[in-house]
N, C-alpha and C. Protein backbone atom coordinates (compact mmCIF):
# COMPACT_ATOMS: atom_id res chain seq x y z
N MET A 1 94.99 -78.78 -30.07
CA MET A 1 95.02 -77.33 -30.11
C MET A 1 96.40 -76.88 -29.61
N PRO A 2 97.05 -75.97 -30.33
CA PRO A 2 98.36 -75.50 -29.89
C PRO A 2 98.30 -74.78 -28.54
N SER A 3 99.43 -74.62 -27.94
CA SER A 3 99.49 -73.92 -26.66
C SER A 3 99.37 -72.42 -26.88
N ARG A 4 99.42 -71.67 -25.81
CA ARG A 4 99.34 -70.21 -25.88
C ARG A 4 100.65 -69.58 -26.32
N SER A 5 101.52 -70.33 -26.93
CA SER A 5 102.82 -69.78 -27.33
C SER A 5 102.73 -68.99 -28.63
N VAL A 6 101.54 -68.75 -29.13
CA VAL A 6 101.36 -67.94 -30.33
C VAL A 6 101.80 -66.51 -30.01
N ASP A 7 102.59 -65.91 -30.92
CA ASP A 7 103.01 -64.53 -30.70
C ASP A 7 102.25 -63.59 -31.64
N ALA A 8 102.45 -62.29 -31.47
CA ALA A 8 101.70 -61.29 -32.22
C ALA A 8 101.91 -61.41 -33.72
N ALA A 9 103.14 -61.64 -34.15
CA ALA A 9 103.43 -61.72 -35.59
C ALA A 9 102.77 -62.96 -36.21
N THR A 10 102.83 -64.07 -35.50
CA THR A 10 102.22 -65.31 -35.99
C THR A 10 100.71 -65.15 -36.05
N TRP A 11 100.13 -64.54 -35.01
CA TRP A 11 98.69 -64.29 -34.96
C TRP A 11 98.25 -63.42 -36.15
N GLU A 12 98.95 -62.29 -36.34
CA GLU A 12 98.56 -61.37 -37.41
C GLU A 12 98.67 -62.01 -38.78
N ALA A 13 99.75 -62.73 -39.02
CA ALA A 13 99.93 -63.39 -40.31
C ALA A 13 98.80 -64.39 -40.57
N ALA A 14 98.46 -65.20 -39.58
CA ALA A 14 97.39 -66.18 -39.74
C ALA A 14 96.04 -65.49 -39.92
N LEU A 15 95.81 -64.43 -39.15
CA LEU A 15 94.55 -63.68 -39.25
C LEU A 15 94.37 -63.11 -40.66
N LEU A 16 95.40 -62.49 -41.20
CA LEU A 16 95.30 -61.89 -42.52
C LEU A 16 95.19 -62.94 -43.62
N ARG A 17 95.97 -64.01 -43.53
CA ARG A 17 95.86 -65.06 -44.56
C ARG A 17 94.46 -65.66 -44.56
N LEU A 18 93.92 -65.88 -43.38
CA LEU A 18 92.65 -66.59 -43.26
C LEU A 18 91.44 -65.70 -43.57
N LEU A 19 91.41 -64.49 -43.03
CA LEU A 19 90.16 -63.73 -43.04
C LEU A 19 90.19 -62.36 -43.72
N GLU A 20 91.33 -61.91 -44.18
CA GLU A 20 91.38 -60.56 -44.74
C GLU A 20 90.55 -60.40 -46.01
N ASP A 21 90.40 -61.45 -46.80
CA ASP A 21 89.72 -61.32 -48.09
C ASP A 21 88.22 -61.56 -48.03
N VAL A 22 87.68 -61.79 -46.86
CA VAL A 22 86.24 -61.99 -46.71
C VAL A 22 85.69 -60.95 -45.73
N PHE A 23 84.39 -60.77 -45.72
CA PHE A 23 83.77 -59.75 -44.89
C PHE A 23 83.59 -60.31 -43.48
N THR A 24 84.56 -60.04 -42.60
CA THR A 24 84.55 -60.61 -41.26
C THR A 24 84.91 -59.57 -40.20
N PHE A 25 84.51 -59.90 -38.99
CA PHE A 25 84.85 -59.15 -37.78
C PHE A 25 85.64 -60.13 -36.92
N ALA A 26 86.81 -59.74 -36.50
CA ALA A 26 87.63 -60.60 -35.65
C ALA A 26 88.35 -59.74 -34.62
N ARG A 27 87.93 -59.87 -33.36
CA ARG A 27 88.52 -59.07 -32.27
C ARG A 27 88.59 -59.93 -31.01
N SER A 28 89.51 -59.57 -30.16
CA SER A 28 89.65 -60.24 -28.86
C SER A 28 89.56 -59.22 -27.75
N GLY A 29 89.20 -59.69 -26.57
CA GLY A 29 89.11 -58.82 -25.42
C GLY A 29 89.42 -59.58 -24.14
N PRO A 30 89.58 -58.85 -23.05
CA PRO A 30 89.91 -59.48 -21.77
C PRO A 30 88.67 -60.07 -21.10
N ARG A 31 88.90 -61.05 -20.23
CA ARG A 31 87.84 -61.56 -19.36
C ARG A 31 87.85 -60.68 -18.11
N LEU A 32 86.80 -59.90 -17.95
CA LEU A 32 86.67 -59.00 -16.80
C LEU A 32 85.47 -59.34 -15.93
N HIS A 33 84.61 -60.24 -16.41
CA HIS A 33 83.38 -60.59 -15.70
C HIS A 33 83.32 -62.09 -15.46
N GLU A 34 82.57 -62.49 -14.47
CA GLU A 34 82.37 -63.91 -14.24
C GLU A 34 81.62 -64.52 -15.42
N ASP A 35 80.69 -63.78 -15.99
CA ASP A 35 79.90 -64.23 -17.13
C ASP A 35 80.63 -63.85 -18.42
N TRP A 36 81.14 -64.84 -19.15
CA TRP A 36 81.87 -64.58 -20.38
C TRP A 36 81.05 -63.80 -21.41
N ALA A 37 79.73 -63.94 -21.39
CA ALA A 37 78.88 -63.24 -22.35
C ALA A 37 79.00 -61.72 -22.18
N GLU A 38 79.21 -61.26 -20.95
CA GLU A 38 79.42 -59.82 -20.71
C GLU A 38 80.71 -59.36 -21.39
N ASP A 39 81.72 -60.20 -21.35
CA ASP A 39 82.99 -59.87 -21.99
C ASP A 39 82.86 -59.85 -23.51
N VAL A 40 82.08 -60.77 -24.05
CA VAL A 40 81.84 -60.80 -25.50
C VAL A 40 81.09 -59.53 -25.92
N LEU A 41 80.10 -59.13 -25.14
CA LEU A 41 79.36 -57.90 -25.46
C LEU A 41 80.31 -56.69 -25.49
N ALA A 42 81.26 -56.65 -24.57
CA ALA A 42 82.23 -55.55 -24.55
C ALA A 42 83.07 -55.55 -25.83
N VAL A 43 83.42 -56.72 -26.34
CA VAL A 43 84.17 -56.81 -27.60
C VAL A 43 83.29 -56.32 -28.75
N LEU A 44 82.03 -56.75 -28.79
CA LEU A 44 81.12 -56.33 -29.85
C LEU A 44 80.89 -54.83 -29.83
N GLU A 45 80.89 -54.25 -28.64
CA GLU A 45 80.70 -52.80 -28.50
C GLU A 45 82.01 -52.03 -28.67
N ARG A 46 83.10 -52.77 -28.78
CA ARG A 46 84.42 -52.16 -28.93
C ARG A 46 84.80 -51.28 -27.74
N SER A 47 84.30 -51.63 -26.56
CA SER A 47 84.60 -50.85 -25.36
C SER A 47 85.84 -51.37 -24.63
N VAL A 48 86.43 -52.45 -25.15
CA VAL A 48 87.68 -52.98 -24.59
C VAL A 48 88.67 -53.20 -25.73
N ALA A 49 89.92 -53.13 -25.40
CA ALA A 49 90.98 -53.37 -26.38
C ALA A 49 91.50 -54.79 -26.22
N ASP A 50 92.14 -55.28 -27.24
CA ASP A 50 92.79 -56.58 -27.16
C ASP A 50 93.78 -56.52 -26.00
N PRO A 51 93.71 -57.46 -25.05
CA PRO A 51 94.60 -57.39 -23.89
C PRO A 51 96.08 -57.53 -24.23
N ARG A 52 96.37 -58.08 -25.39
CA ARG A 52 97.77 -58.22 -25.81
C ARG A 52 98.17 -57.14 -26.82
N GLY A 53 97.21 -56.33 -27.24
CA GLY A 53 97.49 -55.30 -28.23
C GLY A 53 97.66 -55.85 -29.64
N TRP A 54 97.11 -57.03 -29.91
CA TRP A 54 97.27 -57.68 -31.19
C TRP A 54 96.25 -57.18 -32.20
N SER A 55 96.49 -57.50 -33.47
CA SER A 55 95.66 -57.06 -34.59
C SER A 55 94.23 -57.59 -34.50
N ALA A 56 93.35 -56.84 -35.16
CA ALA A 56 91.94 -57.22 -35.26
C ALA A 56 91.47 -56.90 -36.67
N LEU A 57 90.34 -57.45 -37.05
CA LEU A 57 89.68 -57.10 -38.31
C LEU A 57 88.32 -56.52 -37.95
N ASP A 58 88.10 -55.32 -38.39
CA ASP A 58 86.85 -54.61 -38.10
C ASP A 58 86.57 -53.73 -39.31
N PRO A 59 85.83 -54.23 -40.29
CA PRO A 59 85.67 -53.52 -41.56
C PRO A 59 85.24 -52.06 -41.40
N GLU A 60 85.80 -51.23 -42.27
CA GLU A 60 85.45 -49.81 -42.29
C GLU A 60 83.96 -49.60 -42.50
N THR A 61 83.31 -50.55 -43.17
CA THR A 61 81.87 -50.46 -43.42
C THR A 61 81.10 -50.27 -42.12
N PHE A 62 81.61 -50.81 -41.04
CA PHE A 62 80.91 -50.74 -39.76
C PHE A 62 81.09 -49.38 -39.08
N LYS A 63 82.07 -48.61 -39.53
CA LYS A 63 82.38 -47.34 -38.89
C LYS A 63 81.21 -46.36 -38.96
N GLU A 64 80.50 -46.36 -40.10
CA GLU A 64 79.36 -45.45 -40.27
C GLU A 64 78.32 -45.64 -39.18
N GLY A 65 77.96 -46.87 -38.90
CA GLY A 65 76.97 -47.16 -37.87
C GLY A 65 77.43 -46.73 -36.49
N ARG A 66 78.72 -46.90 -36.22
CA ARG A 66 79.26 -46.48 -34.93
C ARG A 66 79.25 -44.97 -34.81
N GLU A 67 79.56 -44.28 -35.92
CA GLU A 67 79.54 -42.82 -35.90
C GLU A 67 78.13 -42.29 -35.68
N ALA A 68 77.12 -43.09 -36.07
CA ALA A 68 75.72 -42.69 -35.87
C ALA A 68 75.24 -43.03 -34.45
N GLY A 69 76.14 -43.53 -33.61
CA GLY A 69 75.81 -43.78 -32.22
C GLY A 69 75.55 -45.23 -31.85
N PHE A 70 75.73 -46.16 -32.80
CA PHE A 70 75.51 -47.57 -32.51
C PHE A 70 76.86 -48.24 -32.27
N ARG A 71 77.30 -48.26 -31.04
CA ARG A 71 78.63 -48.77 -30.71
C ARG A 71 78.85 -50.20 -31.16
N SER A 72 77.81 -51.02 -31.13
CA SER A 72 77.98 -52.42 -31.48
C SER A 72 77.72 -52.70 -32.96
N HIS A 73 77.48 -51.67 -33.78
CA HIS A 73 77.18 -51.88 -35.20
C HIS A 73 78.23 -52.77 -35.83
N PRO A 74 77.90 -53.81 -36.56
CA PRO A 74 76.60 -54.17 -37.11
C PRO A 74 75.78 -55.09 -36.20
N PHE A 75 76.29 -55.37 -35.02
CA PHE A 75 75.58 -56.28 -34.12
C PHE A 75 74.39 -55.57 -33.48
N ARG A 76 73.31 -56.30 -33.33
CA ARG A 76 72.12 -55.75 -32.69
C ARG A 76 72.40 -55.47 -31.22
N ALA A 77 71.69 -54.51 -30.65
CA ALA A 77 71.79 -54.28 -29.20
C ALA A 77 71.21 -55.51 -28.51
N MET A 78 71.93 -56.04 -27.54
CA MET A 78 71.46 -57.25 -26.86
C MET A 78 72.04 -57.32 -25.46
N THR A 79 71.45 -58.21 -24.68
CA THR A 79 71.94 -58.48 -23.34
C THR A 79 72.78 -59.76 -23.37
N ALA A 80 73.46 -60.03 -22.28
CA ALA A 80 74.24 -61.26 -22.18
C ALA A 80 73.31 -62.47 -22.32
N GLU A 81 72.12 -62.37 -21.77
CA GLU A 81 71.15 -63.47 -21.88
C GLU A 81 70.74 -63.69 -23.34
N ASP A 82 70.52 -62.61 -24.08
CA ASP A 82 70.20 -62.71 -25.51
C ASP A 82 71.33 -63.41 -26.26
N LEU A 83 72.54 -63.03 -25.95
CA LEU A 83 73.70 -63.60 -26.62
C LEU A 83 73.78 -65.10 -26.35
N ARG A 84 73.72 -65.49 -25.09
CA ARG A 84 73.81 -66.91 -24.74
C ARG A 84 72.68 -67.72 -25.37
N ALA A 85 71.47 -67.13 -25.47
CA ALA A 85 70.31 -67.84 -26.01
C ALA A 85 70.49 -68.17 -27.50
N GLY A 86 71.29 -67.38 -28.21
CA GLY A 86 71.46 -67.61 -29.63
C GLY A 86 72.69 -68.42 -30.00
N LEU A 87 73.42 -68.91 -29.00
CA LEU A 87 74.65 -69.65 -29.24
C LEU A 87 74.54 -71.10 -28.77
N ARG A 88 75.36 -71.95 -29.40
CA ARG A 88 75.44 -73.36 -29.00
C ARG A 88 76.91 -73.74 -28.82
N PRO A 89 77.21 -74.60 -27.86
CA PRO A 89 78.61 -75.00 -27.66
C PRO A 89 79.07 -75.96 -28.76
N ILE A 90 80.34 -75.86 -29.11
CA ILE A 90 80.95 -76.80 -30.05
C ILE A 90 82.32 -77.20 -29.53
N THR A 91 82.81 -78.31 -30.05
CA THR A 91 84.12 -78.81 -29.65
C THR A 91 85.23 -77.97 -30.28
N ALA A 92 86.44 -78.13 -29.76
CA ALA A 92 87.59 -77.41 -30.30
C ALA A 92 87.83 -77.79 -31.76
N GLY A 93 87.68 -79.05 -32.10
CA GLY A 93 87.87 -79.49 -33.48
C GLY A 93 86.85 -78.86 -34.41
N ALA A 94 85.60 -78.80 -33.98
CA ALA A 94 84.55 -78.17 -34.79
C ALA A 94 84.83 -76.67 -34.92
N ALA A 95 85.35 -76.06 -33.86
CA ALA A 95 85.68 -74.63 -33.91
C ALA A 95 86.74 -74.34 -34.97
N VAL A 96 87.75 -75.20 -35.07
CA VAL A 96 88.79 -75.04 -36.09
C VAL A 96 88.16 -75.12 -37.48
N GLU A 97 87.29 -76.12 -37.69
CA GLU A 97 86.62 -76.26 -38.98
C GLU A 97 85.74 -75.05 -39.29
N LEU A 98 85.01 -74.57 -38.30
CA LEU A 98 84.14 -73.42 -38.52
C LEU A 98 84.96 -72.18 -38.86
N LEU A 99 86.02 -71.91 -38.10
CA LEU A 99 86.85 -70.75 -38.38
C LEU A 99 87.47 -70.86 -39.76
N SER A 100 87.90 -72.04 -40.15
CA SER A 100 88.43 -72.26 -41.50
C SER A 100 87.37 -71.95 -42.54
N SER A 101 86.15 -72.36 -42.28
CA SER A 101 85.05 -72.13 -43.22
C SER A 101 84.73 -70.65 -43.39
N LEU A 102 85.01 -69.85 -42.37
CA LEU A 102 84.74 -68.42 -42.49
C LEU A 102 85.65 -67.76 -43.52
N ALA A 103 86.68 -68.47 -43.97
CA ALA A 103 87.59 -67.94 -44.99
C ALA A 103 87.01 -68.05 -46.40
N GLN A 104 85.84 -68.63 -46.53
CA GLN A 104 85.23 -68.76 -47.86
C GLN A 104 84.01 -67.85 -47.97
N GLU A 105 83.60 -67.61 -49.20
CA GLU A 105 82.42 -66.79 -49.45
C GLU A 105 81.16 -67.60 -49.14
N TRP A 106 80.07 -66.90 -48.86
CA TRP A 106 78.83 -67.58 -48.48
C TRP A 106 78.22 -68.41 -49.60
N PHE A 107 78.13 -67.84 -50.77
CA PHE A 107 77.46 -68.52 -51.88
C PHE A 107 78.39 -68.62 -53.08
N PHE A 108 78.20 -69.65 -53.85
CA PHE A 108 78.91 -69.82 -55.11
C PHE A 108 80.43 -69.82 -54.93
N GLU A 109 80.87 -70.39 -53.86
CA GLU A 109 82.31 -70.49 -53.61
C GLU A 109 82.90 -71.47 -54.62
N GLY A 110 83.86 -70.98 -55.39
CA GLY A 110 84.48 -71.84 -56.37
C GLY A 110 85.34 -72.92 -55.74
N SER A 111 85.87 -72.64 -54.58
CA SER A 111 86.74 -73.60 -53.90
C SER A 111 86.43 -73.62 -52.41
N PRO A 112 85.35 -74.29 -52.01
CA PRO A 112 85.11 -74.36 -50.57
C PRO A 112 86.29 -75.03 -49.88
N ILE A 113 86.45 -74.75 -48.63
CA ILE A 113 87.62 -75.23 -47.88
C ILE A 113 87.81 -76.73 -48.04
N ARG A 114 86.72 -77.48 -48.07
CA ARG A 114 86.83 -78.94 -48.15
C ARG A 114 87.52 -79.42 -49.42
N SER A 115 87.55 -78.60 -50.48
CA SER A 115 88.15 -79.05 -51.73
C SER A 115 89.33 -78.19 -52.18
N ARG A 116 89.77 -77.26 -51.36
CA ARG A 116 90.88 -76.39 -51.75
C ARG A 116 92.22 -77.12 -51.62
N GLU A 117 93.11 -76.77 -52.51
CA GLU A 117 94.45 -77.36 -52.46
C GLU A 117 95.18 -76.97 -51.18
N ASP A 118 94.89 -75.77 -50.67
CA ASP A 118 95.57 -75.28 -49.47
C ASP A 118 94.77 -75.56 -48.19
N ARG A 119 93.92 -76.56 -48.22
CA ARG A 119 93.06 -76.88 -47.08
C ARG A 119 93.85 -77.01 -45.78
N GLU A 120 94.94 -77.73 -45.79
CA GLU A 120 95.72 -77.95 -44.56
C GLU A 120 96.32 -76.65 -44.04
N ALA A 121 96.74 -75.77 -44.94
CA ALA A 121 97.29 -74.47 -44.53
C ALA A 121 96.18 -73.61 -43.91
N VAL A 122 94.98 -73.67 -44.49
CA VAL A 122 93.85 -72.92 -43.94
C VAL A 122 93.50 -73.44 -42.54
N LEU A 123 93.45 -74.75 -42.39
CA LEU A 123 93.18 -75.34 -41.08
C LEU A 123 94.27 -74.98 -40.07
N ALA A 124 95.52 -74.95 -40.53
CA ALA A 124 96.64 -74.59 -39.64
C ALA A 124 96.50 -73.14 -39.16
N ASP A 125 96.10 -72.24 -40.05
CA ASP A 125 95.89 -70.85 -39.63
C ASP A 125 94.76 -70.75 -38.61
N ALA A 126 93.69 -71.50 -38.80
CA ALA A 126 92.59 -71.50 -37.83
C ALA A 126 93.07 -72.03 -36.48
N ARG A 127 93.88 -73.08 -36.51
CA ARG A 127 94.42 -73.63 -35.25
C ARG A 127 95.31 -72.60 -34.55
N THR A 128 96.09 -71.86 -35.33
CA THR A 128 96.95 -70.82 -34.76
C THR A 128 96.11 -69.77 -34.06
N LEU A 129 95.07 -69.28 -34.74
CA LEU A 129 94.23 -68.24 -34.14
C LEU A 129 93.55 -68.74 -32.87
N LEU A 130 93.01 -69.93 -32.91
CA LEU A 130 92.32 -70.46 -31.72
C LEU A 130 93.30 -70.93 -30.65
N GLY A 131 94.53 -71.24 -31.07
CA GLY A 131 95.55 -71.66 -30.11
C GLY A 131 95.87 -70.58 -29.10
N ARG A 132 95.66 -69.35 -29.48
CA ARG A 132 95.86 -68.22 -28.56
C ARG A 132 95.08 -68.42 -27.26
N PHE A 133 93.93 -69.06 -27.33
CA PHE A 133 93.03 -69.18 -26.18
C PHE A 133 93.32 -70.41 -25.32
N GLY A 134 94.29 -71.21 -25.72
CA GLY A 134 94.75 -72.32 -24.90
C GLY A 134 93.91 -73.58 -25.00
N PRO A 135 94.43 -74.66 -24.44
CA PRO A 135 93.77 -75.97 -24.56
C PRO A 135 92.47 -76.10 -23.75
N ASP A 136 92.24 -75.21 -22.80
CA ASP A 136 91.03 -75.31 -21.98
C ASP A 136 89.92 -74.37 -22.46
N ALA A 137 90.12 -73.72 -23.59
CA ALA A 137 89.11 -72.80 -24.11
C ALA A 137 87.83 -73.55 -24.47
N VAL A 138 86.72 -72.85 -24.37
CA VAL A 138 85.44 -73.39 -24.83
C VAL A 138 84.97 -72.52 -25.98
N PHE A 139 84.14 -73.12 -26.85
CA PHE A 139 83.75 -72.44 -28.07
C PHE A 139 82.24 -72.49 -28.24
N TRP A 140 81.71 -71.41 -28.83
CA TRP A 140 80.28 -71.25 -29.05
C TRP A 140 80.07 -70.77 -30.47
N THR A 141 78.94 -71.15 -31.06
CA THR A 141 78.61 -70.70 -32.40
C THR A 141 77.14 -70.35 -32.53
N SER A 142 76.86 -69.51 -33.51
CA SER A 142 75.48 -69.17 -33.83
C SER A 142 74.92 -70.08 -34.92
N SER A 143 75.73 -70.98 -35.45
CA SER A 143 75.34 -71.84 -36.57
C SER A 143 74.24 -72.83 -36.21
N ASP A 144 73.26 -72.93 -37.10
CA ASP A 144 72.21 -73.93 -36.93
C ASP A 144 72.74 -75.36 -37.05
N LEU A 145 73.90 -75.53 -37.67
CA LEU A 145 74.49 -76.87 -37.78
C LEU A 145 74.83 -77.44 -36.41
N ALA A 146 74.95 -76.60 -35.40
CA ALA A 146 75.30 -77.07 -34.05
C ALA A 146 74.06 -77.37 -33.21
N ARG A 147 72.89 -77.28 -33.78
CA ARG A 147 71.67 -77.58 -33.00
C ARG A 147 71.61 -79.02 -32.52
N GLY A 148 72.04 -79.95 -33.37
CA GLY A 148 71.91 -81.36 -33.02
C GLY A 148 73.19 -82.02 -32.56
N SER A 149 74.31 -81.29 -32.62
CA SER A 149 75.59 -81.89 -32.27
C SER A 149 76.58 -80.79 -31.89
N ASP A 150 77.46 -81.11 -30.94
CA ASP A 150 78.50 -80.14 -30.59
C ASP A 150 79.74 -80.33 -31.46
N ALA A 151 79.66 -81.26 -32.43
CA ALA A 151 80.78 -81.50 -33.34
C ALA A 151 80.29 -81.65 -34.78
N PRO A 152 79.54 -80.67 -35.28
CA PRO A 152 79.11 -80.78 -36.68
C PRO A 152 80.30 -80.70 -37.62
N ASP A 153 80.18 -81.31 -38.78
CA ASP A 153 81.25 -81.27 -39.77
C ASP A 153 81.09 -80.02 -40.62
N PHE A 154 81.73 -78.94 -40.20
CA PHE A 154 81.59 -77.66 -40.90
C PHE A 154 82.27 -77.67 -42.27
N LEU A 155 83.15 -78.63 -42.52
CA LEU A 155 83.82 -78.68 -43.81
C LEU A 155 83.00 -79.43 -44.85
N ALA A 156 82.06 -80.26 -44.42
CA ALA A 156 81.28 -81.08 -45.35
C ALA A 156 80.13 -80.31 -45.98
N ARG A 157 79.75 -79.18 -45.40
CA ARG A 157 78.58 -78.45 -45.88
C ARG A 157 78.92 -77.00 -46.14
N ASP A 158 78.02 -76.35 -46.84
CA ASP A 158 78.18 -74.92 -47.09
C ASP A 158 77.91 -74.15 -45.81
N LEU A 159 78.38 -72.91 -45.77
CA LEU A 159 78.12 -72.06 -44.62
C LEU A 159 76.62 -71.94 -44.39
N GLU A 160 76.24 -71.99 -43.15
CA GLU A 160 74.83 -71.88 -42.79
C GLU A 160 74.73 -71.04 -41.53
N GLY A 161 73.99 -69.97 -41.65
CA GLY A 161 73.81 -69.08 -40.50
C GLY A 161 72.91 -69.71 -39.45
N GLY A 162 72.46 -68.90 -38.57
CA GLY A 162 71.60 -69.36 -37.49
C GLY A 162 70.90 -68.18 -36.89
N HIS A 163 70.98 -68.10 -35.60
CA HIS A 163 70.36 -67.00 -34.87
C HIS A 163 70.91 -65.67 -35.41
N PRO A 164 70.05 -64.76 -35.85
CA PRO A 164 70.55 -63.50 -36.41
C PRO A 164 71.01 -62.52 -35.31
N PHE A 165 72.26 -62.15 -35.36
CA PHE A 165 72.82 -61.19 -34.40
C PHE A 165 73.04 -59.83 -35.05
N THR A 166 72.80 -59.75 -36.37
CA THR A 166 73.02 -58.50 -37.09
C THR A 166 71.82 -58.22 -37.99
N GLY A 167 71.90 -57.13 -38.73
CA GLY A 167 70.87 -56.80 -39.69
C GLY A 167 71.15 -57.37 -41.07
N TYR A 168 72.25 -58.09 -41.24
CA TYR A 168 72.56 -58.71 -42.52
C TYR A 168 71.65 -59.91 -42.75
N MET A 169 71.50 -60.26 -44.04
CA MET A 169 70.63 -61.39 -44.38
C MET A 169 71.09 -62.65 -43.65
N MET A 170 72.39 -62.85 -43.60
CA MET A 170 72.94 -64.02 -42.90
C MET A 170 74.23 -63.59 -42.20
N ASP A 171 74.44 -64.13 -41.02
CA ASP A 171 75.71 -63.93 -40.33
C ASP A 171 76.02 -65.20 -39.58
N LEU A 172 77.28 -65.41 -39.31
CA LEU A 172 77.71 -66.64 -38.68
C LEU A 172 78.88 -66.33 -37.76
N GLY A 173 78.77 -66.76 -36.51
CA GLY A 173 79.80 -66.41 -35.55
C GLY A 173 80.40 -67.57 -34.80
N LEU A 174 81.61 -67.33 -34.33
CA LEU A 174 82.35 -68.24 -33.48
C LEU A 174 82.91 -67.42 -32.33
N ILE A 175 82.74 -67.92 -31.13
CA ILE A 175 83.27 -67.25 -29.94
C ILE A 175 84.18 -68.22 -29.20
N ALA A 176 85.36 -67.75 -28.84
CA ALA A 176 86.32 -68.52 -28.05
C ALA A 176 86.37 -67.89 -26.66
N VAL A 177 86.34 -68.74 -25.64
CA VAL A 177 86.35 -68.24 -24.26
C VAL A 177 87.42 -68.99 -23.48
N SER A 178 88.38 -68.25 -22.93
CA SER A 178 89.37 -68.85 -22.03
C SER A 178 89.20 -68.21 -20.66
N ALA A 179 90.05 -68.57 -19.74
CA ALA A 179 89.97 -68.01 -18.39
C ALA A 179 90.27 -66.52 -18.36
N ASP A 180 91.06 -66.03 -19.35
CA ASP A 180 91.45 -64.62 -19.29
C ASP A 180 91.18 -63.82 -20.56
N GLU A 181 90.63 -64.45 -21.61
CA GLU A 181 90.35 -63.74 -22.85
C GLU A 181 89.11 -64.30 -23.54
N VAL A 182 88.52 -63.48 -24.41
CA VAL A 182 87.47 -63.95 -25.32
C VAL A 182 87.87 -63.52 -26.72
N GLY A 183 87.49 -64.32 -27.70
CA GLY A 183 87.70 -63.97 -29.09
C GLY A 183 86.38 -64.07 -29.83
N VAL A 184 86.14 -63.11 -30.71
CA VAL A 184 84.91 -63.09 -31.49
C VAL A 184 85.29 -63.07 -32.96
N PHE A 185 84.80 -64.05 -33.71
CA PHE A 185 85.04 -64.17 -35.14
C PHE A 185 83.67 -64.26 -35.80
N TRP A 186 83.36 -63.30 -36.70
CA TRP A 186 82.02 -63.26 -37.28
C TRP A 186 82.12 -63.00 -38.77
N SER A 187 81.36 -63.76 -39.54
CA SER A 187 81.32 -63.62 -40.99
C SER A 187 79.94 -63.13 -41.42
N PHE A 188 79.93 -62.33 -42.50
CA PHE A 188 78.68 -61.72 -42.95
C PHE A 188 78.46 -62.00 -44.43
N ASN A 189 77.22 -62.28 -44.77
CA ASN A 189 76.83 -62.40 -46.17
C ASN A 189 76.56 -61.00 -46.67
N ALA A 190 77.56 -60.39 -47.22
CA ALA A 190 77.43 -58.99 -47.62
C ALA A 190 77.55 -58.82 -49.12
N ASN A 191 77.47 -59.91 -49.85
CA ASN A 191 77.58 -59.81 -51.32
C ASN A 191 76.32 -59.22 -51.90
């Protein structure tokens, strides 16, 4: 995993190349609580800003729900305990593969990451995004593929959701936690 030497321009370029063309939520926030799940909830509720002021992806589609009073839309209202109960830990290598996989569509993907010509570039962008959180970061996912292993091969299989955190038919998330930041990357089956 790269060091924290990622800068804002490198982060934004990797973020847009990797996730701009799919229906995703990608935001970071500061670590303000002993319990990282509280910090993740603050990111989902959009009550904190990126501590570095860097770019985020938050589809306009979600704005309607927030205007109706649901700050965490499209995420369900939950507690830190609810959040932790629906997540499983994964290794840094698995996190890179999962984040790379979020760059593809849920169904009928003509070129899943495992067979794309630009596979290495996609993996490099995922490493760049996760590199922001440093070598000691820990990662969590909602994917059912992580039930039996903390290092599932996310590139060998199609996207598979898990614990539902939204009202969408399927959603899949990755959370990065460092000593001073959290990152939330979430993909939605919105086709």
